[in-house]
Amino acid sequence: MKKLAFLLFALFCAALISTPLLAHHGEANYDTDKIVSVKGTVTEFDFINPHVLITLDVKNDKGEIEKWTGEARSPAMLARYGGWEKTTIKVGDVITFYGHRTKNGTDFMRLEKIVLSDGKELPNL
């Protein structure tokens, strides 16, 4: 009986401790009610865990350059379900981001889709 009680206590503690680990996958910091798009030139492509990051130079309405960052799934998920590789996107490519911008208005978004300059769509990001 003591072993069972200890096992149940250990499982409870493990569940309690691991709950915050799931929290970072939430979308509370993104405006999921609307999808925005930006077109620009790739300046960085980080095909790394935990999420792929792509940075663009985007010209705003005033002609000024803004640095936008898009966050996608993990490299493993993109490779497995989308056929992505480290060379799928290259610095200098002109692409269009579609996704959910952060609620605080920073130039950062959770990507939903990318359209390459040749019109090819990379969805389910």
C-alpha atoms as a PDB file:
ATOM      1  CA  MET A   1       0.000   0.000   0.000  1.00  0.00           C
ATOM      2  CA  LYS A   2       2.886   2.371   0.769  1.00  0.00           C
ATOM      3  CA  LYS A   3       4.399   1.679  -2.658  1.00  0.00           C
ATOM      4  CA  LEU A   4       1.108   2.493  -4.378  1.00  0.00           C
ATOM      5  CA  ALA A   5       0.716   5.715  -2.400  1.00  0.00           C
ATOM      6  CA  PHE A   6       4.287   6.720  -3.228  1.00  0.00           C
ATOM      7  CA  LEU A   7       3.769   5.910  -6.918  1.00  0.00           C
ATOM      8  CA  LEU A   8       0.568   7.966  -7.058  1.00  0.00           C
ATOM      9  CA  PHE A   9       2.279  10.851  -5.282  1.00  0.00           C
ATOM     10  CA  ALA A  10       5.226  10.703  -7.706  1.00  0.00           C
ATOM     11  CA  LEU A  11       2.888  10.702 -10.724  1.00  0.00           C
ATOM     12  CA  PHE A  12       0.944  13.637  -9.303  1.00  0.00           C
ATOM     13  CA  CYS A  13       4.167  15.609  -8.750  1.00  0.00           C
ATOM     14  CA  ALA A  14       5.411  14.816 -12.268  1.00  0.00           C
ATOM     15  CA  ALA A  15       2.120  15.980 -13.798  1.00  0.00           C
ATOM     16  CA  LEU A  16       2.133  19.132 -11.695  1.00  0.00           C
ATOM     17  CA  ILE A  17       5.699  20.017 -12.617  1.00  0.00           C
ATOM     18  CA  SER A  18       5.301  19.297 -16.346  1.00  0.00           C
ATOM     19  CA  THR A  19       2.117  21.339 -16.872  1.00  0.00           C
ATOM     20  CA  PRO A  20       3.971  24.649 -17.517  1.00  0.00           C
ATOM     21  CA  LEU A  21       5.967  22.968 -20.282  1.00  0.00           C
ATOM     22  CA  LEU A  22       2.825  22.780 -22.410  1.00  0.00           C
ATOM     23  CA  ALA A  23       2.018  26.446 -21.884  1.00  0.00           C
ATOM     24  CA  HIS A  24       4.510  27.838 -24.390  1.00  0.00           C
ATOM     25  CA  HIS A  25       2.534  26.277 -27.242  1.00  0.00           C
ATOM     26  CA  GLY A  26      -0.451  28.515 -26.622  1.00  0.00           C
ATOM     27  CA  GLU A  27      -1.549  31.247 -28.979  1.00  0.00           C
ATOM     28  CA  ALA A  28      -2.615  33.787 -26.357  1.00  0.00           C
ATOM     29  CA  ASN A  29       0.053  36.288 -27.441  1.00  0.00           C
ATOM     30  CA  TYR A  30      -1.110  36.255 -31.087  1.00  0.00           C
ATOM     31  CA  ASP A  31      -4.114  37.962 -32.662  1.00  0.00           C
ATOM     32  CA  THR A  32      -5.711  34.817 -34.075  1.00  0.00           C
ATOM     33  CA  ASP A  33      -8.801  36.685 -35.282  1.00  0.00           C
ATOM     34  CA  LYS A  34      -7.035  37.977 -38.376  1.00  0.00           C
ATOM     35  CA  ILE A  35      -4.306  36.929 -40.738  1.00  0.00           C
ATOM     36  CA  VAL A  36      -1.861  39.547 -41.946  1.00  0.00           C
ATOM     37  CA  SER A  37       0.682  39.341 -44.744  1.00  0.00           C
ATOM     38  CA  VAL A  38       4.048  40.951 -45.382  1.00  0.00           C
ATOM     39  CA  LYS A  39       6.380  40.579 -48.357  1.00  0.00           C
ATOM     40  CA  GLY A  40      10.111  40.976 -48.075  1.00  0.00           C
ATOM     41  CA  THR A  41      13.617  39.661 -48.574  1.00  0.00           C
ATOM     42  CA  VAL A  42      14.919  36.855 -46.369  1.00  0.00           C
ATOM     43  CA  THR A  43      17.827  37.995 -44.204  1.00  0.00           C
ATOM     44  CA  GLU A  44      17.954  34.972 -41.854  1.00  0.00           C
ATOM     45  CA  PHE A  45      16.672  31.404 -41.990  1.00  0.00           C
ATOM     46  CA  ASP A  46      17.178  29.500 -38.739  1.00  0.00           C
ATOM     47  CA  PHE A  47      16.173  25.860 -39.316  1.00  0.00           C
ATOM     48  CA  ILE A  48      16.603  25.059 -35.616  1.00  0.00           C
ATOM     49  CA  ASN A  49      14.657  23.727 -32.643  1.00  0.00           C
ATOM     50  CA  PRO A  50      12.310  24.406 -31.040  1.00  0.00           C
ATOM     51  CA  HIS A  51      10.807  26.473 -33.906  1.00  0.00           C
ATOM     52  CA  VAL A  52      12.031  27.541 -37.320  1.00  0.00           C
ATOM     53  CA  LEU A  53      12.584  31.309 -37.484  1.00  0.00           C
ATOM     54  CA  ILE A  54      12.670  33.371 -40.678  1.00  0.00           C
ATOM     55  CA  THR A  55      13.575  37.064 -40.721  1.00  0.00           C
ATOM     56  CA  LEU A  56      12.583  39.409 -43.543  1.00  0.00           C
ATOM     57  CA  ASP A  57      13.468  42.963 -44.515  1.00  0.00           C
ATOM     58  CA  VAL A  58      10.096  44.521 -45.382  1.00  0.00           C
ATOM     59  CA  LYS A  59       9.542  48.014 -46.812  1.00  0.00           C
ATOM     60  CA  ASN A  60       6.769  49.858 -45.006  1.00  0.00           C
ATOM     61  CA  ASP A  61       4.484  52.544 -46.509  1.00  0.00           C
ATOM     62  CA  LYS A  62       7.130  55.213 -45.841  1.00  0.00           C
ATOM     63  CA  GLY A  63       9.817  53.244 -47.702  1.00  0.00           C
ATOM     64  CA  GLU A  64      11.616  52.360 -44.463  1.00  0.00           C
ATOM     65  CA  ILE A  65      12.906  48.857 -43.812  1.00  0.00           C
ATOM     66  CA  GLU A  66      11.268  46.879 -41.002  1.00  0.00           C
ATOM     67  CA  LYS A  67      12.653  43.595 -39.708  1.00  0.00           C
ATOM     68  CA  TRP A  68       9.872  40.998 -39.476  1.00  0.00           C
ATOM     69  CA  THR A  69      10.318  37.573 -37.907  1.00  0.00           C
ATOM     70  CA  GLY A  70       8.079  34.614 -38.614  1.00  0.00           C
ATOM     71  CA  GLU A  71       7.922  31.549 -36.403  1.00  0.00           C
ATOM     72  CA  ALA A  72       6.965  28.150 -37.805  1.00  0.00           C
ATOM     73  CA  ARG A  73       6.794  24.592 -36.460  1.00  0.00           C
ATOM     74  CA  SER A  74       9.849  22.595 -35.493  1.00  0.00           C
ATOM     75  CA  PRO A  75      12.279  21.536 -38.223  1.00  0.00           C
ATOM     76  CA  ALA A  76      11.320  17.896 -37.708  1.00  0.00           C
ATOM     77  CA  MET A  77       7.622  18.604 -38.296  1.00  0.00           C
ATOM     78  CA  LEU A  78       8.316  20.745 -41.371  1.00  0.00           C
ATOM     79  CA  ALA A  79      10.623  18.085 -42.805  1.00  0.00           C
ATOM     80  CA  ARG A  80       8.241  15.225 -42.058  1.00  0.00           C
ATOM     81  CA  TYR A  81       4.999  16.790 -43.260  1.00  0.00           C
ATOM     82  CA  GLY A  82       6.151  19.467 -45.681  1.00  0.00           C
ATOM     83  CA  GLY A  83       9.372  18.083 -47.122  1.00  0.00           C
ATOM     84  CA  TRP A  84      11.375  21.052 -45.844  1.00  0.00           C
ATOM     85  CA  GLU A  85      15.169  21.083 -45.783  1.00  0.00           C
ATOM     86  CA  LYS A  86      17.772  23.605 -44.648  1.00  0.00           C
ATOM     87  CA  THR A  87      17.816  24.845 -48.248  1.00  0.00           C
ATOM     88  CA  THR A  88      14.054  25.284 -48.732  1.00  0.00           C
ATOM     89  CA  ILE A  89      14.436  29.007 -48.108  1.00  0.00           C
ATOM     90  CA  LYS A  90      17.626  30.939 -48.723  1.00  0.00           C
ATOM     91  CA  VAL A  91      18.896  34.347 -47.663  1.00  0.00           C
ATOM     92  CA  GLY A  92      18.022  36.744 -50.482  1.00  0.00           C
ATOM     93  CA  ASP A  93      14.764  34.988 -51.449  1.00  0.00           C
ATOM     94  CA  VAL A  94      11.714  37.244 -51.756  1.00  0.00           C
ATOM     95  CA  ILE A  95       8.782  35.632 -49.961  1.00  0.00           C
ATOM     96  CA  THR A  96       5.427  36.542 -48.451  1.00  0.00           C
ATOM     97  CA  PHE A  97       4.468  35.656 -44.876  1.00  0.00           C
ATOM     98  CA  TYR A  98       0.845  34.983 -43.917  1.00  0.00           C
ATOM     99  CA  GLY A  99       0.096  34.560 -40.243  1.00  0.00           C
ATOM    100  CA  HIS A 100      -1.014  35.914 -36.902  1.00  0.00           C
ATOM    101  CA  ARG A 101       0.783  38.999 -35.635  1.00  0.00           C
ATOM    102  CA  THR A 102       1.531  39.443 -31.947  1.00  0.00           C
ATOM    103  CA  LYS A 103      -1.069  41.356 -29.959  1.00  0.00           C
ATOM    104  CA  ASN A 104       1.537  43.842 -28.728  1.00  0.00           C
ATOM    105  CA  GLY A 105       2.170  45.043 -32.288  1.00  0.00           C
ATOM    106  CA  THR A 106       5.774  43.907 -32.681  1.00  0.00           C
ATOM    107  CA  ASP A 107       6.956  42.794 -36.112  1.00  0.00           C
ATOM    108  CA  PHE A 108       6.667  39.121 -35.209  1.00  0.00           C
ATOM    109  CA  MET A 109       4.125  36.549 -36.347  1.00  0.00           C
ATOM    110  CA  ARG A 110       3.140  32.929 -36.007  1.00  0.00           C
ATOM    111  CA  LEU A 111       3.269  31.697 -39.592  1.00  0.00           C
ATOM    112  CA  GLU A 112       0.351  29.966 -41.275  1.00  0.00           C
ATOM    113  CA  LYS A 113       1.657  29.998 -44.843  1.00  0.00           C
ATOM    114  CA  ILE A 114       4.574  31.233 -46.945  1.00  0.00           C
ATOM    115  CA  VAL A 115       4.371  32.028 -50.645  1.00  0.00           C
ATOM    116  CA  LEU A 116       7.631  31.900 -52.591  1.00  0.00           C
ATOM    117  CA  SER A 117       8.431  34.326 -55.415  1.00  0.00           C
ATOM    118  CA  ASP A 118       7.480  31.681 -58.002  1.00  0.00           C
ATOM    119  CA  GLY A 119       3.994  31.390 -56.440  1.00  0.00           C
ATOM    120  CA  LYS A 120       4.620  28.068 -54.694  1.00  0.00           C
ATOM    121  CA  GLU A 121       2.783  27.881 -51.367  1.00  0.00           C
ATOM    122  CA  LEU A 122       4.269  26.352 -48.238  1.00  0.00           C
ATOM    123  CA  PRO A 123       1.205  25.831 -45.985  1.00  0.00           C
ATOM    124  CA  ASN A 124       0.587  24.352 -42.536  1.00  0.00           C
ATOM    125  CA  LEU A 125       3.453  26.007 -40.796  1.00  0.00           C
END
